Amino acid sequence: MPLERLALSRSTLDRAAARRTDPELVETLLADPQTRVALFSEGEAPVTADPALQLWTAQAIEALGIRKTVASSFFLGMDAEGRGYLALTVTERPEVPEGVRWASLREVGSVLDDTGAGIFTTSVALIAWHTFHTHCANCGTATDVVQAGWVRQCPNCGREHYPRTDPAVIMAIVGPDDRVLLGRGATWPEHRYSTLAGFVEPGESLEDAVRREVVEESGVLVGEVHYRGSQPWPFPSSLMLGFRGEALTSEIRVDEEEIADARWWSREELQADLKSGALILPPAVSIARRLIEDWFGARIPDDAAGW
């Protein structure tokens, strides 16, 4: 069975894409007392102690006095009760209520409810796209934001540009002796290991991308590849496609560019190294953690040291 309820794959809103063509949509929703608004600044959003994503009514947004500091706005969708949801990015952070703090998606993505996780993930992805894609890729002209934040249109050549998503494979590779292969990135500190991963190249299937990335980074040959699940990873624009691969060889030869070290772990070795601090796994927000737990056969308690 595929992995279920991956941290950043949860959402409850209907994206209601047909409404994006209304040029007055954002202002209409800001005038609606039922609308809910999420605020963002430098990739972070206010969250409560629960934690839950802090959402404001349109009237509460006015009371914050932030309209002059709003840099961008996005329509996120509608809930089952017909309420619209918006995300606003601000250049100056307003004072938030007691018990509310600014936090990143990496920090709280795995513990938010489904609505909050979906809003946060989508908003961070859109904000990153707008930040890095301000000009037309065809003629170089600065583009205009249209369709409630979901399209950038060139006023010169008329080209429309849409949010970018880059497919990447991430894989738990299991050897014939049922050990799992984990690697440490070249820039990572000691003891931090994760599943191998890499971007899909043009003209390449997902399965071939798994096999290529593993042999390039570790020297291990992979045979059968099984899809396990996917989740957005908006840092800035990836879609992580998770797999389990069956290793045909066990000898490791790391590339020493992307991967500094790679090792095989049995379940007993993994438990012992986690307990001693010799191994730090990726956090619960990452699909890598779920792929490791899928092989392990149980949830692994979070290490306070974490990532």
C-alpha atoms as a PDB file:
ATOM      1  CA  MET A   1       0.000   0.000   0.000  1.00  0.00           C
ATOM      2  CA  PRO A   2       1.226   3.553  -0.706  1.00  0.00           C
ATOM      3  CA  LEU A   3       2.361   5.718   2.179  1.00  0.00           C
ATOM      4  CA  GLU A   4      -0.590   7.709   3.513  1.00  0.00           C
ATOM      5  CA  ARG A   5      -0.906  11.144   5.129  1.00  0.00           C
ATOM      6  CA  LEU A   6       2.533  12.399   4.216  1.00  0.00           C
ATOM      7  CA  ALA A   7       3.124  15.618   6.135  1.00  0.00           C
ATOM      8  CA  LEU A   8       3.018  18.088   3.247  1.00  0.00           C
ATOM      9  CA  SER A   9       0.517  16.191   1.076  1.00  0.00           C
ATOM     10  CA  ARG A  10      -2.441  17.029   3.322  1.00  0.00           C
ATOM     11  CA  SER A  11      -5.074  19.578   2.343  1.00  0.00           C
ATOM     12  CA  THR A  12      -8.796  20.204   2.739  1.00  0.00           C
ATOM     13  CA  LEU A  13      -9.457  23.155   0.426  1.00  0.00           C
ATOM     14  CA  ASP A  14     -11.054  23.011  -3.005  1.00  0.00           C
ATOM     15  CA  ARG A  15      -8.634  25.041  -5.134  1.00  0.00           C
ATOM     16  CA  ALA A  16     -11.585  26.378  -7.162  1.00  0.00           C
ATOM     17  CA  ALA A  17      -9.307  27.218 -10.090  1.00  0.00           C
ATOM     18  CA  ALA A  18     -12.191  28.511 -12.214  1.00  0.00           C
ATOM     19  CA  ARG A  19     -12.526  31.523  -9.882  1.00  0.00           C
ATOM     20  CA  ARG A  20      -8.949  32.704 -10.490  1.00  0.00           C
ATOM     21  CA  THR A  21      -9.899  34.417 -13.752  1.00  0.00           C
ATOM     22  CA  ASP A  22     -11.972  36.998 -11.846  1.00  0.00           C
ATOM     23  CA  PRO A  23      -9.698  40.086 -11.680  1.00  0.00           C
ATOM     24  CA  GLU A  24     -11.568  41.366  -8.618  1.00  0.00           C
ATOM     25  CA  LEU A  25     -11.467  38.083  -6.726  1.00  0.00           C
ATOM     26  CA  VAL A  26      -8.923  39.057  -4.060  1.00  0.00           C
ATOM     27  CA  GLU A  27     -10.602  42.380  -3.259  1.00  0.00           C
ATOM     28  CA  THR A  28     -14.009  40.704  -3.218  1.00  0.00           C
ATOM     29  CA  LEU A  29     -12.812  38.135  -0.714  1.00  0.00           C
ATOM     30  CA  LEU A  30     -11.130  40.783   1.430  1.00  0.00           C
ATOM     31  CA  ALA A  31     -14.539  42.465   1.716  1.00  0.00           C
ATOM     32  CA  ASP A  32     -16.222  39.208   2.752  1.00  0.00           C
ATOM     33  CA  PRO A  33     -16.438  38.702   6.560  1.00  0.00           C
ATOM     34  CA  GLN A  34     -16.304  34.932   6.061  1.00  0.00           C
ATOM     35  CA  THR A  35     -12.921  34.964   4.320  1.00  0.00           C
ATOM     36  CA  ARG A  36      -9.909  33.546   6.146  1.00  0.00           C
ATOM     37  CA  VAL A  37      -6.429  34.999   5.562  1.00  0.00           C
ATOM     38  CA  ALA A  38      -2.959  33.608   6.270  1.00  0.00           C
ATOM     39  CA  LEU A  39       0.027  35.951   6.585  1.00  0.00           C
ATOM     40  CA  PHE A  40       3.559  35.213   5.389  1.00  0.00           C
ATOM     41  CA  SER A  41       6.893  36.956   5.757  1.00  0.00           C
ATOM     42  CA  GLU A  42      10.246  35.584   4.598  1.00  0.00           C
ATOM     43  CA  GLY A  43       8.785  32.084   4.286  1.00  0.00           C
ATOM     44  CA  GLU A  44       7.323  32.045   7.791  1.00  0.00           C
ATOM     45  CA  ALA A  45       3.767  32.359   9.093  1.00  0.00           C
ATOM     46  CA  PRO A  46       2.220  32.975  12.525  1.00  0.00           C
ATOM     47  CA  VAL A  47       1.251  29.788  14.349  1.00  0.00           C
ATOM     48  CA  THR A  48      -0.463  29.230  17.678  1.00  0.00           C
ATOM     49  CA  ALA A  49       0.886  27.165  20.563  1.00  0.00           C
ATOM     50  CA  ASP A  50      -1.239  24.135  19.517  1.00  0.00           C
ATOM     51  CA  PRO A  51       0.410  24.505  16.977  1.00  0.00           C
ATOM     52  CA  ALA A  52      -2.101  25.621  14.338  1.00  0.00           C
ATOM     53  CA  LEU A  53      -1.774  28.087  11.497  1.00  0.00           C
ATOM     54  CA  GLN A  54      -3.118  31.463  12.636  1.00  0.00           C
ATOM     55  CA  LEU A  55      -5.896  32.584  10.300  1.00  0.00           C
ATOM     56  CA  TRP A  56      -7.443  36.054  10.329  1.00  0.00           C
ATOM     57  CA  THR A  57     -10.772  37.347   9.127  1.00  0.00           C
ATOM     58  CA  ALA A  58     -10.667  40.136   6.565  1.00  0.00           C
ATOM     59  CA  GLN A  59     -11.746  42.585   9.279  1.00  0.00           C
ATOM     60  CA  ALA A  60      -8.911  41.435  11.554  1.00  0.00           C
ATOM     61  CA  ILE A  61      -6.465  42.013   8.716  1.00  0.00           C
ATOM     62  CA  GLU A  62      -7.699  45.596   8.449  1.00  0.00           C
ATOM     63  CA  ALA A  63      -7.239  46.006  12.204  1.00  0.00           C
ATOM     64  CA  LEU A  64      -3.613  44.874  11.907  1.00  0.00           C
ATOM     65  CA  GLY A  65      -2.984  47.878   9.645  1.00  0.00           C
ATOM     66  CA  ILE A  66      -0.851  45.952   7.184  1.00  0.00           C
ATOM     67  CA  ARG A  67      -2.465  46.856   3.853  1.00  0.00           C
ATOM     68  CA  LYS A  68       0.414  49.195   2.907  1.00  0.00           C
ATOM     69  CA  THR A  69       2.962  46.447   3.580  1.00  0.00           C
ATOM     70  CA  VAL A  70       1.268  43.733   1.499  1.00  0.00           C
ATOM     71  CA  ALA A  71       3.656  42.667  -1.264  1.00  0.00           C
ATOM     72  CA  SER A  72       1.546  39.931  -2.879  1.00  0.00           C
ATOM     73  CA  SER A  73      -1.712  38.057  -2.496  1.00  0.00           C
ATOM     74  CA  PHE A  74      -2.855  34.590  -3.569  1.00  0.00           C
ATOM     75  CA  PHE A  75      -6.234  32.886  -3.730  1.00  0.00           C
ATOM     76  CA  LEU A  76      -5.881  29.456  -2.128  1.00  0.00           C
ATOM     77  CA  GLY A  77      -9.373  28.026  -2.529  1.00  0.00           C
ATOM     78  CA  MET A  78     -12.671  27.398  -0.743  1.00  0.00           C
ATOM     79  CA  ASP A  79     -13.611  25.187   2.189  1.00  0.00           C
ATOM     80  CA  ALA A  80     -16.663  22.939   2.499  1.00  0.00           C
ATOM     81  CA  GLU A  81     -18.652  25.786   4.110  1.00  0.00           C
ATOM     82  CA  GLY A  82     -18.014  28.115   1.179  1.00  0.00           C
ATOM     83  CA  ARG A  83     -15.390  30.317   2.870  1.00  0.00           C
ATOM     84  CA  GLY A  84     -12.627  31.677   0.682  1.00  0.00           C
ATOM     85  CA  TYR A  85      -8.971  31.542   1.738  1.00  0.00           C
ATOM     86  CA  LEU A  86      -6.206  33.993   0.864  1.00  0.00           C
ATOM     87  CA  ALA A  87      -2.488  34.255   1.555  1.00  0.00           C
ATOM     88  CA  LEU A  88      -0.870  37.664   1.927  1.00  0.00           C
ATOM     89  CA  THR A  89       2.866  38.317   2.029  1.00  0.00           C
ATOM     90  CA  VAL A  90       3.990  41.369   3.992  1.00  0.00           C
ATOM     91  CA  THR A  91       7.231  43.325   3.969  1.00  0.00           C
ATOM     92  CA  GLU A  92       6.911  44.196   7.666  1.00  0.00           C
ATOM     93  CA  ARG A  93       5.776  41.721  10.280  1.00  0.00           C
ATOM     94  CA  PRO A  94       2.867  42.957  12.367  1.00  0.00           C
ATOM     95  CA  GLU A  95       2.617  42.401  16.086  1.00  0.00           C
ATOM     96  CA  VAL A  96       0.875  39.065  16.651  1.00  0.00           C
ATOM     97  CA  PRO A  97      -1.305  38.060  19.621  1.00  0.00           C
ATOM     98  CA  GLU A  98       0.198  36.588  22.760  1.00  0.00           C
ATOM     99  CA  GLY A  99       0.840  32.880  22.330  1.00  0.00           C
ATOM    100  CA  VAL A 100       1.357  33.238  18.570  1.00  0.00           C
ATOM    101  CA  ARG A 101       4.803  33.101  16.957  1.00  0.00           C
ATOM    102  CA  TRP A 102       6.317  33.126  13.485  1.00  0.00           C
ATOM    103  CA  ALA A 103       7.475  29.676  12.318  1.00  0.00           C
ATOM    104  CA  SER A 104       8.692  27.951   9.148  1.00  0.00           C
ATOM    105  CA  LEU A 105       7.055  25.105   7.256  1.00  0.00           C
ATOM    106  CA  ARG A 106      10.018  22.816   7.981  1.00  0.00           C
ATOM    107  CA  GLU A 107       9.483  23.446  11.683  1.00  0.00           C
ATOM    108  CA  VAL A 108       5.727  22.883  11.981  1.00  0.00           C
ATOM    109  CA  GLY A 109       4.599  21.212   8.753  1.00  0.00           C
ATOM    110  CA  SER A 110       4.299  17.752  10.294  1.00  0.00           C
ATOM    111  CA  VAL A 111       2.219  18.867  13.290  1.00  0.00           C
ATOM    112  CA  LEU A 112      -0.296  21.246  11.695  1.00  0.00           C
ATOM    113  CA  ASP A 113      -3.805  20.047  10.902  1.00  0.00           C
ATOM    114  CA  ASP A 114      -4.675  19.146   7.306  1.00  0.00           C
ATOM    115  CA  THR A 115      -6.029  22.594   6.448  1.00  0.00           C
ATOM    116  CA  GLY A 116      -3.055  24.426   7.893  1.00  0.00           C
ATOM    117  CA  ALA A 117      -0.524  22.099   6.281  1.00  0.00           C
ATOM    118  CA  GLY A 118      -2.125  22.521   2.854  1.00  0.00           C
ATOM    119  CA  ILE A 119      -2.316  26.309   3.129  1.00  0.00           C
ATOM    120  CA  PHE A 120       1.264  26.618   4.358  1.00  0.00           C
ATOM    121  CA  THR A 121       2.710  24.276   1.707  1.00  0.00           C
ATOM    122  CA  THR A 122       0.878  25.873  -1.212  1.00  0.00           C
ATOM    123  CA  SER A 123       1.676  29.403  -0.068  1.00  0.00           C
ATOM    124  CA  VAL A 124       5.400  28.760   0.414  1.00  0.00           C
ATOM    125  CA  ALA A 125       5.581  27.212  -3.069  1.00  0.00           C
ATOM    126  CA  LEU A 126       3.799  30.168  -4.692  1.00  0.00           C
ATOM    127  CA  ILE A 127       5.888  32.722  -2.810  1.00  0.00           C
ATOM    128  CA  ALA A 128       9.118  31.031  -3.919  1.00  0.00           C
ATOM    129  CA  TRP A 129       7.972  30.931  -7.549  1.00  0.00           C
ATOM    130  CA  HIS A 130       7.083  34.615  -7.602  1.00  0.00           C
ATOM    131  CA  THR A 131      10.377  35.492  -5.927  1.00  0.00           C
ATOM    132  CA  PHE A 132      12.537  33.729  -8.513  1.00  0.00           C
ATOM    133  CA  HIS A 133      10.461  34.187 -11.685  1.00  0.00           C
ATOM    134  CA  THR A 134       9.809  37.899 -12.024  1.00  0.00           C
ATOM    135  CA  HIS A 135      10.681  38.280 -15.714  1.00  0.00           C
ATOM    136  CA  CYS A 136       9.524  36.672 -18.940  1.00  0.00           C
ATOM    137  CA  ALA A 137      11.673  33.710 -19.966  1.00  0.00           C
ATOM    138  CA  ASN A 138      10.896  34.500 -23.615  1.00  0.00           C
ATOM    139  CA  CYS A 139      11.782  38.215 -23.915  1.00  0.00           C
ATOM    140  CA  GLY A 140      13.075  39.285 -20.496  1.00  0.00           C
ATOM    141  CA  THR A 141      10.328  41.808 -19.724  1.00  0.00           C
ATOM    142  CA  ALA A 142       9.066  42.145 -16.142  1.00  0.00           C
ATOM    143  CA  THR A 143       5.803  40.221 -15.889  1.00  0.00           C
ATOM    144  CA  ASP A 144       2.457  41.110 -14.297  1.00  0.00           C
ATOM    145  CA  VAL A 145       0.771  38.921 -11.678  1.00  0.00           C
ATOM    146  CA  VAL A 146      -2.693  37.798 -12.807  1.00  0.00           C
ATOM    147  CA  GLN A 147      -5.290  35.114 -12.005  1.00  0.00           C
ATOM    148  CA  ALA A 148      -5.162  35.740  -8.261  1.00  0.00           C
ATOM    149  CA  GLY A 149      -1.457  34.959  -8.035  1.00  0.00           C
ATOM    150  CA  TRP A 150      -1.387  31.785 -10.144  1.00  0.00           C
ATOM    151  CA  VAL A 151      -0.088  33.219 -13.436  1.00  0.00           C
ATOM    152  CA  ARG A 152       2.505  35.792 -14.502  1.00  0.00           C
ATOM    153  CA  GLN A 153       1.800  37.417 -17.861  1.00  0.00           C
ATOM    154  CA  CYS A 154       4.272  39.272 -20.031  1.00  0.00           C
ATOM    155  CA  PRO A 155       2.974  42.715 -21.135  1.00  0.00           C
ATOM    156  CA  ASN A 156       5.399  42.702 -24.060  1.00  0.00           C
ATOM    157  CA  CYS A 157       5.078  39.338 -25.826  1.00  0.00           C
ATOM    158  CA  GLY A 158       1.922  38.100 -24.110  1.00  0.00           C
ATOM    159  CA  ARG A 159       3.430  34.849 -22.839  1.00  0.00           C
ATOM    160  CA  GLU A 160       1.828  33.355 -19.739  1.00  0.00           C
ATOM    161  CA  HIS A 161       4.041  31.699 -17.133  1.00  0.00           C
ATOM    162  CA  TYR A 162       2.785  29.196 -14.566  1.00  0.00           C
ATOM    163  CA  PRO A 163       4.148  28.034 -11.213  1.00  0.00           C
ATOM    164  CA  ARG A 164       7.026  25.622 -11.636  1.00  0.00           C
ATOM    165  CA  THR A 165       7.238  22.168 -10.102  1.00  0.00           C
ATOM    166  CA  ASP A 166      10.459  20.141 -10.414  1.00  0.00           C
ATOM    167  CA  PRO A 167      10.076  16.348 -10.076  1.00  0.00           C
ATOM    168  CA  ALA A 168      12.643  14.666  -7.847  1.00  0.00           C
ATOM    169  CA  VAL A 169      12.970  11.020  -6.857  1.00  0.00           C
ATOM    170  CA  ILE A 170      13.776   9.990  -3.292  1.00  0.00           C
ATOM    171  CA  MET A 171      14.342   6.347  -2.457  1.00  0.00           C
ATOM    172  CA  ALA A 172      14.877   3.847   0.292  1.00  0.00           C
ATOM    173  CA  ILE A 173      17.257   1.292  -1.223  1.00  0.00           C
ATOM    174  CA  VAL A 174      17.113  -2.120   0.438  1.00  0.00           C
ATOM    175  CA  GLY A 175      19.803  -4.781   0.003  1.00  0.00           C
ATOM    176  CA  PRO A 176      19.385  -8.551  -0.380  1.00  0.00           C
ATOM    177  CA  ASP A 177      20.087  -8.866   3.365  1.00  0.00           C
ATOM    178  CA  ASP A 178      17.237  -6.415   4.122  1.00  0.00           C
ATOM    179  CA  ARG A 179      19.536  -3.573   5.199  1.00  0.00           C
ATOM    180  CA  VAL A 180      18.739   0.000   4.133  1.00  0.00           C
ATOM    181  CA  LEU A 181      21.160   2.332   2.355  1.00  0.00           C
ATOM    182  CA  LEU A 182      21.503   5.857   3.780  1.00  0.00           C
ATOM    183  CA  GLY A 183      23.866   8.625   2.730  1.00  0.00           C
ATOM    184  CA  ARG A 184      25.303  11.814   4.181  1.00  0.00           C
ATOM    185  CA  GLY A 185      25.355  14.912   1.990  1.00  0.00           C
ATOM    186  CA  ALA A 186      28.737  16.517   1.395  1.00  0.00           C
ATOM    187  CA  THR A 187      27.691  19.697   3.209  1.00  0.00           C
ATOM    188  CA  TRP A 188      25.947  17.970   6.124  1.00  0.00           C
ATOM    189  CA  PRO A 189      27.408  17.618   9.616  1.00  0.00           C
ATOM    190  CA  GLU A 190      28.586  14.280  10.962  1.00  0.00           C
ATOM    191  CA  HIS A 191      25.929  11.709  11.903  1.00  0.00           C
ATOM    192  CA  ARG A 192      23.199  13.202   9.679  1.00  0.00           C
ATOM    193  CA  TYR A 193      22.039  10.600   7.143  1.00  0.00           C
ATOM    194  CA  SER A 194      19.034  10.238   4.871  1.00  0.00           C
ATOM    195  CA  THR A 195      17.748   8.352   1.854  1.00  0.00           C
ATOM    196  CA  LEU A 196      19.337   9.174  -1.481  1.00  0.00           C
ATOM    197  CA  ALA A 197      17.513  11.577  -3.802  1.00  0.00           C
ATOM    198  CA  GLY A 198      17.933  13.534  -7.031  1.00  0.00           C
ATOM    199  CA  PHE A 199      16.158  15.387  -9.804  1.00  0.00           C
ATOM    200  CA  VAL A 200      14.563  13.690 -12.800  1.00  0.00           C
ATOM    201  CA  GLU A 201      16.328  14.560 -16.050  1.00  0.00           C
ATOM    202  CA  PRO A 202      14.598  15.348 -19.383  1.00  0.00           C
ATOM    203  CA  GLY A 203      13.588  12.248 -21.294  1.00  0.00           C
ATOM    204  CA  GLU A 204      13.942  10.023 -18.211  1.00  0.00           C
ATOM    205  CA  SER A 205      11.388   7.811 -16.488  1.00  0.00           C
ATOM    206  CA  LEU A 206      11.025   7.965 -12.715  1.00  0.00           C
ATOM    207  CA  GLU A 207      12.314   4.408 -12.329  1.00  0.00           C
ATOM    208  CA  ASP A 208      15.393   5.120 -14.427  1.00  0.00           C
ATOM    209  CA  ALA A 209      16.006   8.294 -12.415  1.00  0.00           C
ATOM    210  CA  VAL A 210      16.045   6.197  -9.224  1.00  0.00           C
ATOM    211  CA  ARG A 211      18.568   3.750 -10.683  1.00  0.00           C
ATOM    212  CA  ARG A 212      20.788   6.488 -12.146  1.00  0.00           C
ATOM    213  CA  GLU A 213      20.901   8.632  -9.020  1.00  0.00           C
ATOM    214  CA  VAL A 214      21.712   5.678  -6.754  1.00  0.00           C
ATOM    215  CA  VAL A 215      24.551   4.378  -8.908  1.00  0.00           C
ATOM    216  CA  GLU A 216      25.947   7.898  -9.445  1.00  0.00           C
ATOM    217  CA  GLU A 217      25.948   8.736  -5.741  1.00  0.00           C
ATOM    218  CA  SER A 218      26.779   5.375  -4.148  1.00  0.00           C
ATOM    219  CA  GLY A 219      27.878   2.943  -6.857  1.00  0.00           C
ATOM    220  CA  VAL A 220      25.055   0.549  -5.919  1.00  0.00           C
ATOM    221  CA  LEU A 221      23.089  -1.037  -8.763  1.00  0.00           C
ATOM    222  CA  VAL A 222      19.301  -1.130  -8.372  1.00  0.00           C
ATOM    223  CA  GLY A 223      16.860  -3.583  -9.944  1.00  0.00           C
ATOM    224  CA  GLU A 224      13.143  -3.429  -9.155  1.00  0.00           C
ATOM    225  CA  VAL A 225      11.704  -0.045  -8.172  1.00  0.00           C
ATOM    226  CA  HIS A 226       8.352   0.378  -6.389  1.00  0.00           C
ATOM    227  CA  TYR A 227       6.439   3.641  -6.013  1.00  0.00           C
ATOM    228  CA  ARG A 228       5.528   4.501  -2.387  1.00  0.00           C
ATOM    229  CA  GLY A 229       4.028   8.017  -2.446  1.00  0.00           C
ATOM    230  CA  SER A 230       4.692  11.691  -3.104  1.00  0.00           C
ATOM    231  CA  GLN A 231       4.598  15.060  -1.409  1.00  0.00           C
ATOM    232  CA  PRO A 232       5.384  18.662  -2.339  1.00  0.00           C
ATOM    233  CA  TRP A 233       8.712  19.991  -1.090  1.00  0.00           C
ATOM    234  CA  PRO A 234       8.494  23.740  -1.757  1.00  0.00           C
ATOM    235  CA  PHE A 235      12.118  24.606  -0.992  1.00  0.00           C
ATOM    236  CA  PRO A 236      11.731  26.091  -3.506  1.00  0.00           C
ATOM    237  CA  SER A 237       9.737  24.015  -6.013  1.00  0.00           C
ATOM    238  CA  SER A 238      10.197  20.240  -5.812  1.00  0.00           C
ATOM    239  CA  LEU A 239       7.690  17.407  -5.903  1.00  0.00           C
ATOM    240  CA  MET A 240       9.300  14.478  -4.088  1.00  0.00           C
ATOM    241  CA  LEU A 241       8.314  11.127  -5.591  1.00  0.00           C
ATOM    242  CA  GLY A 242       9.108   8.381  -3.103  1.00  0.00           C
ATOM    243  CA  PHE A 243      10.261   4.884  -4.049  1.00  0.00           C
ATOM    244  CA  ARG A 244      11.651   1.693  -2.591  1.00  0.00           C
ATOM    245  CA  GLY A 245      14.373   0.091  -4.680  1.00  0.00           C
ATOM    246  CA  GLU A 246      15.840  -3.399  -4.506  1.00  0.00           C
ATOM    247  CA  ALA A 247      19.647  -3.358  -4.612  1.00  0.00           C
ATOM    248  CA  LEU A 248      21.474  -5.793  -6.894  1.00  0.00           C
ATOM    249  CA  THR A 249      24.911  -5.041  -5.414  1.00  0.00           C
ATOM    250  CA  SER A 250      26.173  -3.998  -1.981  1.00  0.00           C
ATOM    251  CA  GLU A 251      29.605  -2.466  -2.608  1.00  0.00           C
ATOM    252  CA  ILE A 252      29.550   1.293  -1.988  1.00  0.00           C
ATOM    253  CA  ARG A 253      31.608   3.860  -3.892  1.00  0.00           C
ATOM    254  CA  VAL A 254      30.403   7.377  -3.042  1.00  0.00           C
ATOM    255  CA  ASP A 255      30.866  10.176  -5.557  1.00  0.00           C
ATOM    256  CA  GLU A 256      32.473  12.436  -2.879  1.00  0.00           C
ATOM    257  CA  GLU A 257      30.832  15.470  -4.496  1.00  0.00           C
ATOM    258  CA  GLU A 258      27.178  15.223  -3.515  1.00  0.00           C
ATOM    259  CA  ILE A 259      27.585  12.352  -1.050  1.00  0.00           C
ATOM    260  CA  ALA A 260      30.370  12.293   1.552  1.00  0.00           C
ATOM    261  CA  ASP A 261      29.514   8.887   2.984  1.00  0.00           C
ATOM    262  CA  ALA A 262      26.985   6.082   2.561  1.00  0.00           C
ATOM    263  CA  ARG A 263      26.333   2.996   4.679  1.00  0.00           C
ATOM    264  CA  TRP A 264      24.051   0.023   5.040  1.00  0.00           C
ATOM    265  CA  TRP A 265      22.051  -0.270   8.277  1.00  0.00           C
ATOM    266  CA  SER A 266      20.177  -3.222   9.719  1.00  0.00           C
ATOM    267  CA  ARG A 267      17.213  -2.462  11.956  1.00  0.00           C
ATOM    268  CA  GLU A 268      19.227  -3.354  15.030  1.00  0.00           C
ATOM    269  CA  GLU A 269      22.147  -1.148  13.956  1.00  0.00           C
ATOM    270  CA  LEU A 270      19.828   1.746  13.182  1.00  0.00           C
ATOM    271  CA  GLN A 271      18.194   1.533  16.613  1.00  0.00           C
ATOM    272  CA  ALA A 272      21.560   1.364  18.370  1.00  0.00           C
ATOM    273  CA  ASP A 273      23.031   4.298  16.443  1.00  0.00           C
ATOM    274  CA  LEU A 274      19.962   6.429  17.027  1.00  0.00           C
ATOM    275  CA  LYS A 275      20.170   5.730  20.748  1.00  0.00           C
ATOM    276  CA  SER A 276      23.889   6.560  20.922  1.00  0.00           C
ATOM    277  CA  GLY A 277      23.622   9.688  18.772  1.00  0.00           C
ATOM    278  CA  ALA A 278      25.780   8.214  16.021  1.00  0.00           C
ATOM    279  CA  LEU A 279      22.866   8.625  13.580  1.00  0.00           C
ATOM    280  CA  ILE A 280      20.446  11.510  13.073  1.00  0.00           C
ATOM    281  CA  LEU A 281      17.530  10.852  10.717  1.00  0.00           C
ATOM    282  CA  PRO A 282      15.549  13.398   8.680  1.00  0.00           C
ATOM    283  CA  PRO A 283      12.593  15.026  10.467  1.00  0.00           C
ATOM    284  CA  ALA A 284       8.976  13.873  10.343  1.00  0.00           C
ATOM    285  CA  VAL A 285       8.092  16.593   7.820  1.00  0.00           C
ATOM    286  CA  SER A 286      10.241  14.826   5.192  1.00  0.00           C
ATOM    287  CA  ILE A 287       9.096  11.919   3.036  1.00  0.00           C
ATOM    288  CA  ALA A 288      12.593  10.497   3.630  1.00  0.00           C
ATOM    289  CA  ARG A 289      11.633   9.807   7.250  1.00  0.00           C
ATOM    290  CA  ARG A 290       8.487   7.961   6.168  1.00  0.00           C
ATOM    291  CA  LEU A 291      10.428   5.872   3.635  1.00  0.00           C
ATOM    292  CA  ILE A 292      12.878   4.824   6.351  1.00  0.00           C
ATOM    293  CA  GLU A 293      10.018   4.013   8.714  1.00  0.00           C
ATOM    294  CA  ASP A 294       8.314   2.054   5.923  1.00  0.00           C
ATOM    295  CA  TRP A 295      11.382  -0.171   5.688  1.00  0.00           C
ATOM    296  CA  PHE A 296      11.837  -0.257   9.480  1.00  0.00           C
ATOM    297  CA  GLY A 297       8.247  -1.408  10.012  1.00  0.00           C
ATOM    298  CA  ALA A 298       7.250   1.155  12.654  1.00  0.00           C
ATOM    299  CA  ARG A 299       7.304   4.836  13.502  1.00  0.00           C
ATOM    300  CA  ILE A 300      10.628   6.048  14.859  1.00  0.00           C
ATOM    301  CA  PRO A 301      10.331   8.594  17.689  1.00  0.00           C
ATOM    302  CA  ASP A 302      11.687  12.035  16.842  1.00  0.00           C
ATOM    303  CA  ASP A 303      15.148  12.850  18.147  1.00  0.00           C
ATOM    304  CA  ALA A 304      15.112  16.154  20.015  1.00  0.00           C
ATOM    305  CA  ALA A 305      18.426  17.037  18.365  1.00  0.00           C
ATOM    306  CA  GLY A 306      16.748  16.482  14.997  1.00  0.00           C
ATOM    307  CA  TRP A 307      17.482  18.474  11.885  1.00  0.00           C
END
